[in-house]
Amino acid sequence: MRVFIRPATAADAATIAGFNAAMARETEGLELDSERLRRGVEAVLADSSKGRYWVAELDGRLVGQMLITSEWSDWRNGAFWWIQSVYVEPSWRRHGVFRALYEHVEALARSEPGVCGLRLYVEEHNERAQQAYLRLGMKAAPYRIFEVDFVLKR
């Protein structure tokens, strides 16, 4: 079984939106507005300055995804690539799909002169995901995230 990683295209929008909805439901118990979500995915796919989706295929079927966005670091004079919207279909977890996505993106990031590192945030109770990130060599950062969310009311 070989996982094929490729950039997402507009034809993948419905699957990506479905994966994002499933992830929000699974990790945070949230039901996202499907129309807003679809438009958000399509916006990224139409404008790479917003981010880039990478998808994982097995036998021509999408089984996973990862969104990369960028944040400038003046301290490092470079950009962090943020890993977001990670999802692997439940039946394909623990089969190397996330590892293939991560290793693909890490190799790309290391090859880009202006990229200073990778970051992600994870729901604090998602121990399984945190263990996966540690196994790939990531480390917990000494930061906490604070926000004001104008869309999702928790």
Protein backbone atom coordinates (compact mmCIF):
# COMPACT_ATOMS: atom_id res chain seq x y z
CA MET A 1 0.00 0.00 0.00
CA ARG A 2 1.54 3.29 -1.12
CA VAL A 3 0.05 6.60 -0.01
CA PHE A 4 0.17 9.17 -2.80
CA ILE A 5 0.37 12.82 -1.66
CA ARG A 6 -0.66 15.60 -4.02
CA PRO A 7 -1.85 19.22 -3.92
CA ALA A 8 -5.62 19.45 -3.61
CA THR A 9 -7.65 20.77 -6.54
CA ALA A 10 -11.06 22.38 -6.81
CA ALA A 11 -12.48 18.92 -7.58
CA ASP A 12 -11.53 17.88 -4.02
CA ALA A 13 -13.50 20.66 -2.31
CA ALA A 14 -16.54 18.60 -1.30
CA THR A 15 -14.42 15.82 0.19
CA ILE A 16 -12.20 18.30 2.06
CA ALA A 17 -15.25 20.11 3.45
CA GLY A 18 -16.69 16.76 4.54
CA PHE A 19 -13.42 15.81 6.23
CA ASN A 20 -13.31 19.19 8.01
CA ALA A 21 -16.89 18.76 9.25
CA ALA A 22 -16.08 15.25 10.51
CA MET A 23 -12.93 16.50 12.26
CA ALA A 24 -14.81 19.32 14.05
CA ARG A 25 -17.50 16.87 15.16
CA GLU A 26 -14.97 14.28 16.34
CA THR A 27 -12.42 16.50 18.08
CA GLU A 28 -14.53 19.34 19.46
CA GLY A 29 -18.16 18.23 19.25
CA LEU A 30 -18.91 21.09 16.85
CA GLU A 31 -21.37 21.12 13.97
CA LEU A 32 -19.99 23.57 11.41
CA ASP A 33 -22.15 25.59 9.04
CA SER A 34 -21.76 23.52 5.86
CA GLU A 35 -22.19 26.45 3.47
CA ARG A 36 -19.62 28.62 5.29
CA LEU A 37 -17.26 25.63 5.44
CA ARG A 38 -17.63 24.89 1.71
CA ARG A 39 -16.93 28.54 0.84
CA GLY A 40 -13.90 28.55 3.17
CA VAL A 41 -12.42 25.46 1.53
CA GLU A 42 -13.08 26.83 -1.95
CA ALA A 43 -11.43 30.14 -0.97
CA VAL A 44 -8.20 28.33 -0.07
CA LEU A 45 -8.28 26.24 -3.23
CA ALA A 46 -8.77 29.38 -5.35
CA ASP A 47 -6.10 31.50 -3.61
CA SER A 48 -2.87 29.88 -2.46
CA SER A 49 -1.96 32.97 -0.41
CA LYS A 50 -4.62 31.76 2.07
CA GLY A 51 -3.06 28.31 2.35
CA ARG A 52 -2.51 25.05 0.53
CA TYR A 53 -4.30 21.77 1.04
CA TRP A 54 -2.44 18.51 0.55
CA VAL A 55 -4.41 15.31 0.16
CA ALA A 56 -3.51 11.66 0.62
CA GLU A 57 -4.80 9.11 -1.89
CA LEU A 58 -4.95 5.35 -1.74
CA ASP A 59 -6.08 3.59 -4.91
CA GLY A 60 -7.36 6.92 -6.28
CA ARG A 61 -9.53 7.63 -3.22
CA LEU A 62 -8.94 10.54 -0.83
CA VAL A 63 -8.30 9.23 2.67
CA GLY A 64 -6.61 12.18 4.36
CA GLN A 65 -5.78 15.87 4.20
CA MET A 66 -3.66 18.63 5.66
CA LEU A 67 -3.88 22.42 5.28
CA ILE A 68 -0.74 24.55 5.43
CA THR A 69 -0.95 28.26 6.25
CA SER A 70 1.92 30.67 6.80
CA GLU A 71 2.86 33.01 9.64
CA TRP A 72 5.76 35.43 9.46
CA SER A 73 8.27 35.39 12.34
CA ASP A 74 10.23 38.61 12.69
CA TRP A 75 12.42 36.90 15.31
CA ARG A 76 13.55 34.35 12.74
CA ASN A 77 13.19 36.38 9.55
CA GLY A 78 11.23 33.48 8.13
CA ALA A 79 7.81 31.92 7.95
CA PHE A 80 6.38 29.13 10.04
CA TRP A 81 4.15 26.78 8.16
CA TRP A 82 1.13 25.97 10.32
CA ILE A 83 -0.35 22.51 9.95
CA GLN A 84 -4.13 22.72 10.15
CA SER A 85 -7.28 20.82 9.22
CA VAL A 86 -5.58 17.45 9.58
CA TYR A 87 -7.91 14.56 8.96
CA VAL A 88 -7.50 10.89 8.14
CA GLU A 89 -10.52 8.68 7.58
CA PRO A 90 -10.95 6.49 10.67
CA SER A 91 -10.49 3.21 8.76
CA TRP A 92 -7.09 4.43 7.47
CA ARG A 93 -5.66 5.65 10.76
CA ARG A 94 -2.52 3.90 12.00
CA HIS A 95 -1.65 2.98 8.39
CA GLY A 96 0.91 5.74 7.76
CA VAL A 97 -1.41 8.25 6.05
CA PHE A 98 -0.69 11.13 8.43
CA ARG A 99 3.02 10.26 8.47
CA ALA A 100 3.09 10.42 4.65
CA LEU A 101 1.36 13.83 4.66
CA TYR A 102 3.65 15.16 7.39
CA GLU A 103 6.87 13.90 5.83
CA HIS A 104 5.86 15.34 2.45
CA VAL A 105 5.15 18.77 3.92
CA GLU A 106 8.23 18.72 6.15
CA ALA A 107 10.46 17.96 3.15
CA LEU A 108 8.86 20.81 1.20
CA ALA A 109 9.29 23.20 4.12
CA ARG A 110 12.95 22.27 4.56
CA SER A 111 13.54 22.90 0.85
CA GLU A 112 12.07 26.43 1.00
CA PRO A 113 14.71 28.98 2.08
CA GLY A 114 12.18 31.30 3.73
CA VAL A 115 10.56 28.66 5.95
CA CYS A 116 11.88 28.52 9.52
CA GLY A 117 9.78 25.67 10.89
CA LEU A 118 6.48 23.85 11.27
CA ARG A 119 3.85 24.45 13.93
CA LEU A 120 0.43 23.16 14.77
CA TYR A 121 -2.10 23.40 17.52
CA VAL A 122 -4.03 20.47 18.92
CA GLU A 123 -7.08 20.19 21.16
CA GLU A 124 -5.68 19.76 24.66
CA HIS A 125 -7.47 16.45 25.35
CA ASN A 126 -6.56 14.83 22.01
CA GLU A 127 -3.84 12.60 23.45
CA ARG A 128 -3.76 10.28 20.43
CA ALA A 129 -2.90 13.13 18.07
CA GLN A 130 -0.35 14.55 20.49
CA GLN A 131 1.41 11.19 20.67
CA ALA A 132 1.48 11.00 16.85
CA TYR A 133 3.13 14.44 16.68
CA LEU A 134 5.73 13.47 19.27
CA ARG A 135 6.55 10.25 17.36
CA LEU A 136 7.32 12.39 14.29
CA GLY A 137 9.84 14.46 16.25
CA MET A 138 7.70 17.48 17.06
CA LYS A 139 7.90 18.97 20.55
CA ALA A 140 5.32 20.69 22.71
CA ALA A 141 5.87 24.46 22.53
CA PRO A 142 5.83 26.63 25.65
CA TYR A 143 2.82 28.64 24.42
CA ARG A 144 -0.92 28.66 24.99
CA ILE A 145 -3.34 29.94 22.39
CA PHE A 146 -5.85 32.67 23.25
CA GLU A 147 -8.55 33.83 20.88
CA VAL A 148 -11.66 35.86 20.29
CA ASP A 149 -13.80 33.92 17.82
CA PHE A 150 -16.40 36.01 15.99
CA VAL A 151 -17.94 33.01 14.18
CA LEU A 152 -17.98 29.87 16.34
CA LYS A 153 -19.72 30.47 19.65
CA ARG A 154 -18.52 28.01 22.27
